[in-house]
Amino acid sequence: MATHHRTARTALAIVLAAVPLTLATAGVGHAESSTVAVAAVGLDDAHKKDIAMQLVSSAENSSLDWKAQYKYIEDIGDGRGYTAGIIGFCSGTGDMLDLVQHYTDLKPGNILAKYLPALKKVNGSESHSGLGTAFEKDWATAAKDTVFQKAQNDERDRVYFNPAVNQAKADGLRALGQFIYYDAIVMHGPGSDSDSFGGIRSAALKKAKSPAQGGDETAYLKAFLAARKVVMKKEEAHADTSRVDTEQTVFLNAKNFDLNPPLKWKVYGDPYSINS
């Protein structure tokens, strides 16, 4: 993740939009159809959020079991040091430091608190100095602690999920677009430089208007995904764009703007599905 600044925690509000649903009702010898309004929920709906976490986990961890990733930690060789936890907190970009600090605020004297000085020193680099095998083992131990799990959830929401969903709603995007923003901010980090989420969004807006600006939702999201692929291909660790090509673009081409199951997709050639 890119280096970021702390932002205030924001409360999310579910945006309800009326969409048509045709229901067939049985009559005597024939069927009648009627149109009713149903509420389309945003990605901050609990079930939609769980779907989003499964989708991200399929790309980040080759598994839909995102809750098994609290203990995950490794150096994937991308120059960001350790990558760990449910959305890939990195020792070299500041979000792992913020996470361990938040955990320590919630639970002083926890097993990871002693690594705060080392995390401050390695921030901005790929170094493992002061961390290493002991840190990896202690991370796995901490992952069993529900307070550490809460800390990971909190930081995911504060730094990535809430800003992405809020911005997507402001841009007039439904659940699919909200997820597309979220997946991008997880990989590229918040910020305004050209290779960050903000830069990708700016590049997209130069090619197409957002729905909030009166633009077409499909055209805008295609522009956003195209801009993201340009950034992904700049870095070897992210050069495989299948999470865009055989996942998000599949949903977009199906016009599944509400990200409703069943969902079928592939990442790195591996097939996944969410049926409900």
C-alpha atoms as a PDB file:
ATOM      1  CA  MET A   1       0.000   0.000   0.000  1.00  0.00           C
ATOM      2  CA  ALA A   2       1.122   3.566  -0.666  1.00  0.00           C
ATOM      3  CA  THR A   3       2.139   5.790   2.222  1.00  0.00           C
ATOM      4  CA  HIS A   4      -0.912   7.531   3.634  1.00  0.00           C
ATOM      5  CA  HIS A   5      -1.981  10.070   6.207  1.00  0.00           C
ATOM      6  CA  ARG A   6      -4.341   9.322   9.047  1.00  0.00           C
ATOM      7  CA  THR A   7      -7.925  10.313   8.384  1.00  0.00           C
ATOM      8  CA  ALA A   8     -10.848  10.565  10.743  1.00  0.00           C
ATOM      9  CA  ARG A   9     -13.038   7.511  11.097  1.00  0.00           C
ATOM     10  CA  THR A  10     -16.237   8.017   9.217  1.00  0.00           C
ATOM     11  CA  ALA A  11     -19.639   6.569   9.784  1.00  0.00           C
ATOM     12  CA  LEU A  12     -21.046   4.895   6.703  1.00  0.00           C
ATOM     13  CA  ALA A  13     -24.611   5.369   5.579  1.00  0.00           C
ATOM     14  CA  ILE A  14     -26.322   2.860   3.330  1.00  0.00           C
ATOM     15  CA  VAL A  15     -27.573   4.455   0.151  1.00  0.00           C
ATOM     16  CA  LEU A  16     -30.897   3.079  -0.978  1.00  0.00           C
ATOM     17  CA  ALA A  17     -31.830   3.262  -4.609  1.00  0.00           C
ATOM     18  CA  ALA A  18     -35.056   2.085  -6.151  1.00  0.00           C
ATOM     19  CA  VAL A  19     -34.600  -0.455  -8.921  1.00  0.00           C
ATOM     20  CA  PRO A  20     -37.299  -2.327 -10.828  1.00  0.00           C
ATOM     21  CA  LEU A  21     -37.955  -6.008 -10.199  1.00  0.00           C
ATOM     22  CA  THR A  22     -40.455  -7.951 -12.277  1.00  0.00           C
ATOM     23  CA  LEU A  23     -42.350 -10.637 -10.401  1.00  0.00           C
ATOM     24  CA  ALA A  24     -44.508 -13.263 -12.070  1.00  0.00           C
ATOM     25  CA  THR A  25     -47.617 -14.158 -10.102  1.00  0.00           C
ATOM     26  CA  ALA A  26     -49.718 -17.157 -10.922  1.00  0.00           C
ATOM     27  CA  GLY A  27     -53.228 -16.537 -12.218  1.00  0.00           C
ATOM     28  CA  VAL A  28     -55.918 -18.859 -13.543  1.00  0.00           C
ATOM     29  CA  GLY A  29     -54.394 -20.254 -16.705  1.00  0.00           C
ATOM     30  CA  HIS A  30     -51.889 -17.394 -17.110  1.00  0.00           C
ATOM     31  CA  ALA A  31     -49.184 -15.399 -15.358  1.00  0.00           C
ATOM     32  CA  GLU A  32     -49.304 -11.728 -14.528  1.00  0.00           C
ATOM     33  CA  SER A  33     -46.250  -9.533 -13.978  1.00  0.00           C
ATOM     34  CA  SER A  34     -45.941  -6.544 -11.721  1.00  0.00           C
ATOM     35  CA  THR A  35     -43.110  -4.126 -11.054  1.00  0.00           C
ATOM     36  CA  VAL A  36     -42.150  -3.347  -7.485  1.00  0.00           C
ATOM     37  CA  ALA A  37     -39.414  -1.178  -6.025  1.00  0.00           C
ATOM     38  CA  VAL A  38     -36.677  -2.883  -4.056  1.00  0.00           C
ATOM     39  CA  ALA A  39     -33.808  -1.295  -2.199  1.00  0.00           C
ATOM     40  CA  ALA A  40     -30.356  -1.783  -3.726  1.00  0.00           C
ATOM     41  CA  VAL A  41     -27.816  -1.835  -0.940  1.00  0.00           C
ATOM     42  CA  GLY A  42     -24.297  -0.479  -1.018  1.00  0.00           C
ATOM     43  CA  LEU A  43     -21.070  -2.321  -0.330  1.00  0.00           C
ATOM     44  CA  ASP A  44     -21.328  -1.334   3.328  1.00  0.00           C
ATOM     45  CA  ASP A  45     -24.242  -3.721   3.757  1.00  0.00           C
ATOM     46  CA  ALA A  46     -22.903  -6.588   5.889  1.00  0.00           C
ATOM     47  CA  HIS A  47     -23.481  -9.278   3.259  1.00  0.00           C
ATOM     48  CA  LYS A  48     -22.097  -7.167   0.412  1.00  0.00           C
ATOM     49  CA  LYS A  49     -19.054  -6.314   2.500  1.00  0.00           C
ATOM     50  CA  ASP A  50     -18.411  -9.995   3.125  1.00  0.00           C
ATOM     51  CA  ILE A  51     -18.619 -10.610  -0.627  1.00  0.00           C
ATOM     52  CA  ALA A  52     -16.104  -7.821  -1.196  1.00  0.00           C
ATOM     53  CA  MET A  53     -13.725  -9.360   1.331  1.00  0.00           C
ATOM     54  CA  GLN A  54     -14.006 -12.752  -0.372  1.00  0.00           C
ATOM     55  CA  LEU A  55     -13.295 -11.203  -3.764  1.00  0.00           C
ATOM     56  CA  VAL A  56     -10.199  -9.411  -2.484  1.00  0.00           C
ATOM     57  CA  SER A  57      -9.018 -12.553  -0.690  1.00  0.00           C
ATOM     58  CA  SER A  58      -9.297 -14.594  -3.881  1.00  0.00           C
ATOM     59  CA  ALA A  59      -6.782 -12.231  -5.496  1.00  0.00           C
ATOM     60  CA  GLU A  60      -4.554 -11.585  -2.485  1.00  0.00           C
ATOM     61  CA  ASN A  61      -4.538 -15.033  -0.870  1.00  0.00           C
ATOM     62  CA  SER A  62      -6.015 -17.486  -3.431  1.00  0.00           C
ATOM     63  CA  SER A  63      -8.815 -18.267  -0.978  1.00  0.00           C
ATOM     64  CA  LEU A  64     -12.335 -17.044  -0.244  1.00  0.00           C
ATOM     65  CA  ASP A  65     -11.762 -17.590   3.482  1.00  0.00           C
ATOM     66  CA  TRP A  66     -10.717 -14.030   4.266  1.00  0.00           C
ATOM     67  CA  LYS A  67     -11.051 -14.509   8.015  1.00  0.00           C
ATOM     68  CA  ALA A  68      -8.230 -17.055   7.856  1.00  0.00           C
ATOM     69  CA  GLN A  69      -5.904 -14.262   6.677  1.00  0.00           C
ATOM     70  CA  TYR A  70      -5.488 -12.407   9.978  1.00  0.00           C
ATOM     71  CA  LYS A  71      -2.420 -14.602  10.540  1.00  0.00           C
ATOM     72  CA  TYR A  72      -0.993 -14.220   7.026  1.00  0.00           C
ATOM     73  CA  ILE A  73       2.483 -12.670   6.773  1.00  0.00           C
ATOM     74  CA  GLU A  74       5.236 -12.885   4.156  1.00  0.00           C
ATOM     75  CA  ASP A  75       7.573 -10.797   2.044  1.00  0.00           C
ATOM     76  CA  ILE A  76       6.267 -11.073  -1.514  1.00  0.00           C
ATOM     77  CA  GLY A  77       9.307  -9.331  -2.978  1.00  0.00           C
ATOM     78  CA  ASP A  78       7.548  -6.137  -4.062  1.00  0.00           C
ATOM     79  CA  GLY A  79       9.850  -3.765  -2.196  1.00  0.00           C
ATOM     80  CA  ARG A  80       7.286  -3.090   0.547  1.00  0.00           C
ATOM     81  CA  GLY A  81       8.780  -5.368   3.199  1.00  0.00           C
ATOM     82  CA  TYR A  82       6.313  -7.637   4.956  1.00  0.00           C
ATOM     83  CA  THR A  83       2.776  -7.959   3.615  1.00  0.00           C
ATOM     84  CA  ALA A  84       0.352  -9.254   6.214  1.00  0.00           C
ATOM     85  CA  GLY A  85      -3.208  -9.583   7.457  1.00  0.00           C
ATOM     86  CA  ILE A  86      -6.606  -9.364   5.836  1.00  0.00           C
ATOM     87  CA  ILE A  87      -5.779  -6.716   3.238  1.00  0.00           C
ATOM     88  CA  GLY A  88      -1.998  -6.833   3.086  1.00  0.00           C
ATOM     89  CA  PHE A  89      -0.731  -4.298   5.623  1.00  0.00           C
ATOM     90  CA  CYS A  90       2.894  -3.520   4.693  1.00  0.00           C
ATOM     91  CA  SER A  91       5.856  -2.840   6.944  1.00  0.00           C
ATOM     92  CA  GLY A  92       7.365  -0.552   4.337  1.00  0.00           C
ATOM     93  CA  THR A  93       4.390   1.718   3.688  1.00  0.00           C
ATOM     94  CA  GLY A  94       3.188   2.773   7.131  1.00  0.00           C
ATOM     95  CA  ASP A  95      -0.123   0.945   7.394  1.00  0.00           C
ATOM     96  CA  MET A  96       1.382  -1.986   9.342  1.00  0.00           C
ATOM     97  CA  LEU A  97       2.904   0.503  11.772  1.00  0.00           C
ATOM     98  CA  ASP A  98      -0.464   2.221  12.170  1.00  0.00           C
ATOM     99  CA  LEU A  99      -2.130  -1.166  12.699  1.00  0.00           C
ATOM    100  CA  VAL A 100       0.246  -2.275  15.447  1.00  0.00           C
ATOM    101  CA  GLN A 101      -0.055   1.159  17.070  1.00  0.00           C
ATOM    102  CA  HIS A 102      -3.859   0.879  17.012  1.00  0.00           C
ATOM    103  CA  TYR A 103      -3.639  -2.634  18.463  1.00  0.00           C
ATOM    104  CA  THR A 104      -1.420  -1.272  21.225  1.00  0.00           C
ATOM    105  CA  ASP A 105      -3.882   1.562  21.892  1.00  0.00           C
ATOM    106  CA  LEU A 106      -6.608  -1.060  22.301  1.00  0.00           C
ATOM    107  CA  LYS A 107      -4.434  -3.492  24.258  1.00  0.00           C
ATOM    108  CA  PRO A 108      -1.257  -2.062  25.791  1.00  0.00           C
ATOM    109  CA  GLY A 109       1.548  -4.568  26.276  1.00  0.00           C
ATOM    110  CA  ASN A 110       0.354  -6.891  23.512  1.00  0.00           C
ATOM    111  CA  ILE A 111       2.786  -9.331  21.896  1.00  0.00           C
ATOM    112  CA  LEU A 112       3.499  -7.001  18.935  1.00  0.00           C
ATOM    113  CA  ALA A 113       3.947  -3.761  20.896  1.00  0.00           C
ATOM    114  CA  LYS A 114       7.662  -4.371  21.357  1.00  0.00           C
ATOM    115  CA  TYR A 115       8.144  -4.166  17.575  1.00  0.00           C
ATOM    116  CA  LEU A 116       6.869  -0.590  17.273  1.00  0.00           C
ATOM    117  CA  PRO A 117      10.389   0.953  17.315  1.00  0.00           C
ATOM    118  CA  ALA A 118      11.536  -1.440  14.582  1.00  0.00           C
ATOM    119  CA  LEU A 119       8.417  -0.801  12.481  1.00  0.00           C
ATOM    120  CA  LYS A 120       9.091   2.934  12.705  1.00  0.00           C
ATOM    121  CA  LYS A 121      12.672   2.403  11.514  1.00  0.00           C
ATOM    122  CA  VAL A 122      11.799   0.171   8.525  1.00  0.00           C
ATOM    123  CA  ASN A 123       8.883   2.334   7.370  1.00  0.00           C
ATOM    124  CA  GLY A 124       9.594   3.460   3.820  1.00  0.00           C
ATOM    125  CA  SER A 125      11.906   0.538   3.074  1.00  0.00           C
ATOM    126  CA  GLU A 126      11.846  -3.206   2.403  1.00  0.00           C
ATOM    127  CA  SER A 127      14.049  -3.933   5.445  1.00  0.00           C
ATOM    128  CA  HIS A 128      13.215  -6.611   8.027  1.00  0.00           C
ATOM    129  CA  SER A 129      15.642  -5.132  10.553  1.00  0.00           C
ATOM    130  CA  GLY A 130      14.432  -5.745  14.090  1.00  0.00           C
ATOM    131  CA  LEU A 131      11.591  -7.939  12.830  1.00  0.00           C
ATOM    132  CA  GLY A 132      12.421 -11.278  11.157  1.00  0.00           C
ATOM    133  CA  THR A 133      11.324 -14.745  12.216  1.00  0.00           C
ATOM    134  CA  ALA A 134      10.403 -13.722  15.755  1.00  0.00           C
ATOM    135  CA  PHE A 135       8.060 -11.045  14.435  1.00  0.00           C
ATOM    136  CA  GLU A 136       6.463 -13.501  12.002  1.00  0.00           C
ATOM    137  CA  LYS A 137       5.776 -15.981  14.814  1.00  0.00           C
ATOM    138  CA  ASP A 138       4.415 -13.300  17.119  1.00  0.00           C
ATOM    139  CA  TRP A 139       2.168 -11.995  14.331  1.00  0.00           C
ATOM    140  CA  ALA A 140       0.628 -15.463  13.966  1.00  0.00           C
ATOM    141  CA  THR A 141       0.117 -15.614  17.728  1.00  0.00           C
ATOM    142  CA  ALA A 142      -1.468 -12.163  17.816  1.00  0.00           C
ATOM    143  CA  ALA A 143      -3.841 -13.191  15.018  1.00  0.00           C
ATOM    144  CA  LYS A 144      -5.630 -15.502  17.458  1.00  0.00           C
ATOM    145  CA  ASP A 145      -6.471 -12.488  19.627  1.00  0.00           C
ATOM    146  CA  THR A 146      -9.906 -11.043  18.832  1.00  0.00           C
ATOM    147  CA  VAL A 147      -8.589  -7.594  19.803  1.00  0.00           C
ATOM    148  CA  PHE A 148      -5.962  -7.821  17.040  1.00  0.00           C
ATOM    149  CA  GLN A 149      -8.629  -9.024  14.617  1.00  0.00           C
ATOM    150  CA  LYS A 150     -10.720  -5.995  15.566  1.00  0.00           C
ATOM    151  CA  ALA A 151      -7.691  -3.741  15.052  1.00  0.00           C
ATOM    152  CA  GLN A 152      -7.211  -5.152  11.537  1.00  0.00           C
ATOM    153  CA  ASN A 153     -10.897  -4.634  10.765  1.00  0.00           C
ATOM    154  CA  ASP A 154     -10.761  -1.083  12.125  1.00  0.00           C
ATOM    155  CA  GLU A 155      -7.730  -0.097  10.050  1.00  0.00           C
ATOM    156  CA  ARG A 156      -9.088  -1.759   6.928  1.00  0.00           C
ATOM    157  CA  ASP A 157     -12.245   0.319   7.269  1.00  0.00           C
ATOM    158  CA  ARG A 158     -10.547   3.580   8.265  1.00  0.00           C
ATOM    159  CA  VAL A 159      -7.849   3.629   5.602  1.00  0.00           C
ATOM    160  CA  TYR A 160      -9.325   1.650   2.718  1.00  0.00           C
ATOM    161  CA  PHE A 161     -12.930   0.506   2.840  1.00  0.00           C
ATOM    162  CA  ASN A 162     -14.698   3.603   4.141  1.00  0.00           C
ATOM    163  CA  PRO A 163     -12.846   6.115   1.914  1.00  0.00           C
ATOM    164  CA  ALA A 164     -13.345   3.929  -1.175  1.00  0.00           C
ATOM    165  CA  VAL A 165     -17.054   3.372  -0.595  1.00  0.00           C
ATOM    166  CA  ASN A 166     -17.696   6.987   0.344  1.00  0.00           C
ATOM    167  CA  GLN A 167     -15.915   8.264  -2.772  1.00  0.00           C
ATOM    168  CA  ALA A 168     -17.728   5.754  -4.989  1.00  0.00           C
ATOM    169  CA  LYS A 169     -21.098   6.822  -3.611  1.00  0.00           C
ATOM    170  CA  ALA A 170     -20.187  10.471  -4.180  1.00  0.00           C
ATOM    171  CA  ASP A 171     -19.340   9.515  -7.782  1.00  0.00           C
ATOM    172  CA  GLY A 172     -22.768   7.921  -8.189  1.00  0.00           C
ATOM    173  CA  LEU A 173     -21.546   4.328  -8.313  1.00  0.00           C
ATOM    174  CA  ARG A 174     -23.456   1.295  -7.130  1.00  0.00           C
ATOM    175  CA  ALA A 175     -22.037  -1.723  -5.259  1.00  0.00           C
ATOM    176  CA  LEU A 176     -19.899  -2.984  -8.164  1.00  0.00           C
ATOM    177  CA  GLY A 177     -18.262   0.396  -8.623  1.00  0.00           C
ATOM    178  CA  GLN A 178     -17.785   0.676  -4.878  1.00  0.00           C
ATOM    179  CA  PHE A 179     -15.979  -2.668  -4.926  1.00  0.00           C
ATOM    180  CA  ILE A 180     -13.858  -1.656  -7.924  1.00  0.00           C
ATOM    181  CA  TYR A 181     -12.732   1.419  -5.967  1.00  0.00           C
ATOM    182  CA  TYR A 182     -12.065  -0.669  -2.843  1.00  0.00           C
ATOM    183  CA  ASP A 183      -9.970  -3.275  -4.633  1.00  0.00           C
ATOM    184  CA  ALA A 184      -7.944  -0.501  -6.259  1.00  0.00           C
ATOM    185  CA  ILE A 185      -7.257   1.345  -3.009  1.00  0.00           C
ATOM    186  CA  VAL A 186      -6.198  -1.903  -1.319  1.00  0.00           C
ATOM    187  CA  MET A 187      -3.556  -2.531  -3.981  1.00  0.00           C
ATOM    188  CA  HIS A 188      -2.449   0.994  -4.824  1.00  0.00           C
ATOM    189  CA  GLY A 189      -3.095   2.836  -1.580  1.00  0.00           C
ATOM    190  CA  PRO A 190      -4.865   6.133  -0.927  1.00  0.00           C
ATOM    191  CA  GLY A 191      -3.280   9.336  -2.132  1.00  0.00           C
ATOM    192  CA  SER A 192      -3.232  11.678  -5.109  1.00  0.00           C
ATOM    193  CA  ASP A 193      -0.028  10.711  -6.935  1.00  0.00           C
ATOM    194  CA  SER A 194      -0.425   9.118 -10.358  1.00  0.00           C
ATOM    195  CA  ASP A 195       0.117   5.539  -9.151  1.00  0.00           C
ATOM    196  CA  SER A 196      -2.291   5.749  -6.202  1.00  0.00           C
ATOM    197  CA  PHE A 197      -6.052   5.344  -6.061  1.00  0.00           C
ATOM    198  CA  GLY A 198      -6.558   9.095  -6.386  1.00  0.00           C
ATOM    199  CA  GLY A 199      -4.337   9.252  -9.434  1.00  0.00           C
ATOM    200  CA  ILE A 200      -6.164   6.378 -11.106  1.00  0.00           C
ATOM    201  CA  ARG A 201      -9.508   8.054 -10.472  1.00  0.00           C
ATOM    202  CA  SER A 202      -8.218  11.354 -11.856  1.00  0.00           C
ATOM    203  CA  ALA A 203      -7.011   9.600 -15.011  1.00  0.00           C
ATOM    204  CA  ALA A 204     -10.405   7.940 -15.442  1.00  0.00           C
ATOM    205  CA  LEU A 205     -12.271  11.222 -15.039  1.00  0.00           C
ATOM    206  CA  LYS A 206     -10.231  12.659 -17.913  1.00  0.00           C
ATOM    207  CA  LYS A 207     -11.616   9.912 -20.147  1.00  0.00           C
ATOM    208  CA  ALA A 208     -15.224   9.667 -18.962  1.00  0.00           C
ATOM    209  CA  LYS A 209     -17.711  11.465 -16.739  1.00  0.00           C
ATOM    210  CA  SER A 210     -18.792   9.754 -13.542  1.00  0.00           C
ATOM    211  CA  PRO A 211     -22.506   9.019 -13.064  1.00  0.00           C
ATOM    212  CA  ALA A 212     -22.618  11.917 -10.574  1.00  0.00           C
ATOM    213  CA  GLN A 213     -21.463  14.158 -13.430  1.00  0.00           C
ATOM    214  CA  GLY A 214     -24.141  12.774 -15.725  1.00  0.00           C
ATOM    215  CA  GLY A 215     -21.941  10.101 -17.291  1.00  0.00           C
ATOM    216  CA  ASP A 216     -22.655   6.473 -18.104  1.00  0.00           C
ATOM    217  CA  GLU A 217     -21.755   4.081 -15.278  1.00  0.00           C
ATOM    218  CA  THR A 218     -20.389   1.370 -17.571  1.00  0.00           C
ATOM    219  CA  ALA A 219     -18.279   3.782 -19.614  1.00  0.00           C
ATOM    220  CA  TYR A 220     -16.840   5.391 -16.519  1.00  0.00           C
ATOM    221  CA  LEU A 221     -15.969   2.109 -14.813  1.00  0.00           C
ATOM    222  CA  LYS A 222     -14.312   0.855 -18.002  1.00  0.00           C
ATOM    223  CA  ALA A 223     -12.216   4.027 -18.034  1.00  0.00           C
ATOM    224  CA  PHE A 224     -11.291   3.493 -14.383  1.00  0.00           C
ATOM    225  CA  LEU A 225     -10.270  -0.130 -14.943  1.00  0.00           C
ATOM    226  CA  ALA A 226      -8.238   0.828 -18.011  1.00  0.00           C
ATOM    227  CA  ALA A 227      -6.413   3.516 -16.014  1.00  0.00           C
ATOM    228  CA  ARG A 228      -5.768   1.039 -13.217  1.00  0.00           C
ATOM    229  CA  LYS A 229      -4.280  -1.529 -15.597  1.00  0.00           C
ATOM    230  CA  VAL A 230      -1.789   1.069 -16.826  1.00  0.00           C
ATOM    231  CA  VAL A 231      -0.586   1.526 -13.246  1.00  0.00           C
ATOM    232  CA  MET A 232      -0.568  -2.203 -12.492  1.00  0.00           C
ATOM    233  CA  LYS A 233       1.649  -2.954 -15.464  1.00  0.00           C
ATOM    234  CA  LYS A 234       4.288  -0.533 -14.226  1.00  0.00           C
ATOM    235  CA  GLU A 235       5.182  -2.913 -11.397  1.00  0.00           C
ATOM    236  CA  GLU A 236       6.206  -6.537 -11.872  1.00  0.00           C
ATOM    237  CA  ALA A 237       4.476  -7.696  -8.684  1.00  0.00           C
ATOM    238  CA  HIS A 238       1.153  -6.341  -9.982  1.00  0.00           C
ATOM    239  CA  ALA A 239       1.605  -6.946 -13.710  1.00  0.00           C
ATOM    240  CA  ASP A 240      -0.932  -9.786 -13.796  1.00  0.00           C
ATOM    241  CA  THR A 241      -4.191  -7.929 -14.371  1.00  0.00           C
ATOM    242  CA  SER A 242      -6.536 -10.907 -14.101  1.00  0.00           C
ATOM    243  CA  ARG A 243      -8.315  -9.450 -11.052  1.00  0.00           C
ATOM    244  CA  VAL A 244      -9.439  -6.735 -13.471  1.00  0.00           C
ATOM    245  CA  ASP A 245      -9.785  -8.787 -16.674  1.00  0.00           C
ATOM    246  CA  THR A 246     -11.406 -12.014 -15.482  1.00  0.00           C
ATOM    247  CA  GLU A 247     -13.111 -10.736 -12.353  1.00  0.00           C
ATOM    248  CA  GLN A 248     -14.245  -7.108 -12.280  1.00  0.00           C
ATOM    249  CA  THR A 249     -14.673  -6.743 -16.049  1.00  0.00           C
ATOM    250  CA  VAL A 250     -16.736  -9.952 -16.071  1.00  0.00           C
ATOM    251  CA  PHE A 251     -19.160  -8.451 -13.551  1.00  0.00           C
ATOM    252  CA  LEU A 252     -19.220  -5.161 -15.437  1.00  0.00           C
ATOM    253  CA  ASN A 253     -19.929  -6.786 -18.796  1.00  0.00           C
ATOM    254  CA  ALA A 254     -22.797  -8.669 -17.147  1.00  0.00           C
ATOM    255  CA  LYS A 255     -24.076  -5.289 -15.897  1.00  0.00           C
ATOM    256  CA  ASN A 256     -24.197  -6.685 -12.368  1.00  0.00           C
ATOM    257  CA  PHE A 257     -23.979  -3.203 -10.874  1.00  0.00           C
ATOM    258  CA  ASP A 258     -25.426  -4.358  -7.547  1.00  0.00           C
ATOM    259  CA  LEU A 259     -22.850  -7.157  -7.251  1.00  0.00           C
ATOM    260  CA  ASN A 260     -25.535  -9.744  -6.666  1.00  0.00           C
ATOM    261  CA  PRO A 261     -24.722 -13.462  -6.400  1.00  0.00           C
ATOM    262  CA  PRO A 262     -24.290 -15.854  -7.998  1.00  0.00           C
ATOM    263  CA  LEU A 263     -20.837 -14.608  -8.961  1.00  0.00           C
ATOM    264  CA  LYS A 264     -18.305 -16.561 -10.998  1.00  0.00           C
ATOM    265  CA  TRP A 265     -14.806 -15.306 -11.812  1.00  0.00           C
ATOM    266  CA  LYS A 266     -11.157 -16.244 -12.195  1.00  0.00           C
ATOM    267  CA  VAL A 267      -7.986 -14.775 -10.727  1.00  0.00           C
ATOM    268  CA  TYR A 268      -4.562 -15.932 -11.954  1.00  0.00           C
ATOM    269  CA  GLY A 269      -6.450 -18.622 -13.864  1.00  0.00           C
ATOM    270  CA  ASP A 270      -8.089 -20.121 -10.772  1.00  0.00           C
ATOM    271  CA  PRO A 271     -11.906 -20.290 -10.785  1.00  0.00           C
ATOM    272  CA  TYR A 272     -14.040 -19.053  -7.879  1.00  0.00           C
ATOM    273  CA  SER A 273     -17.734 -18.661  -7.192  1.00  0.00           C
ATOM    274  CA  ILE A 274     -20.069 -17.172  -4.616  1.00  0.00           C
ATOM    275  CA  ASN A 275     -23.543 -18.623  -4.940  1.00  0.00           C
ATOM    276  CA  SER A 276     -25.467 -16.686  -2.326  1.00  0.00           C
END
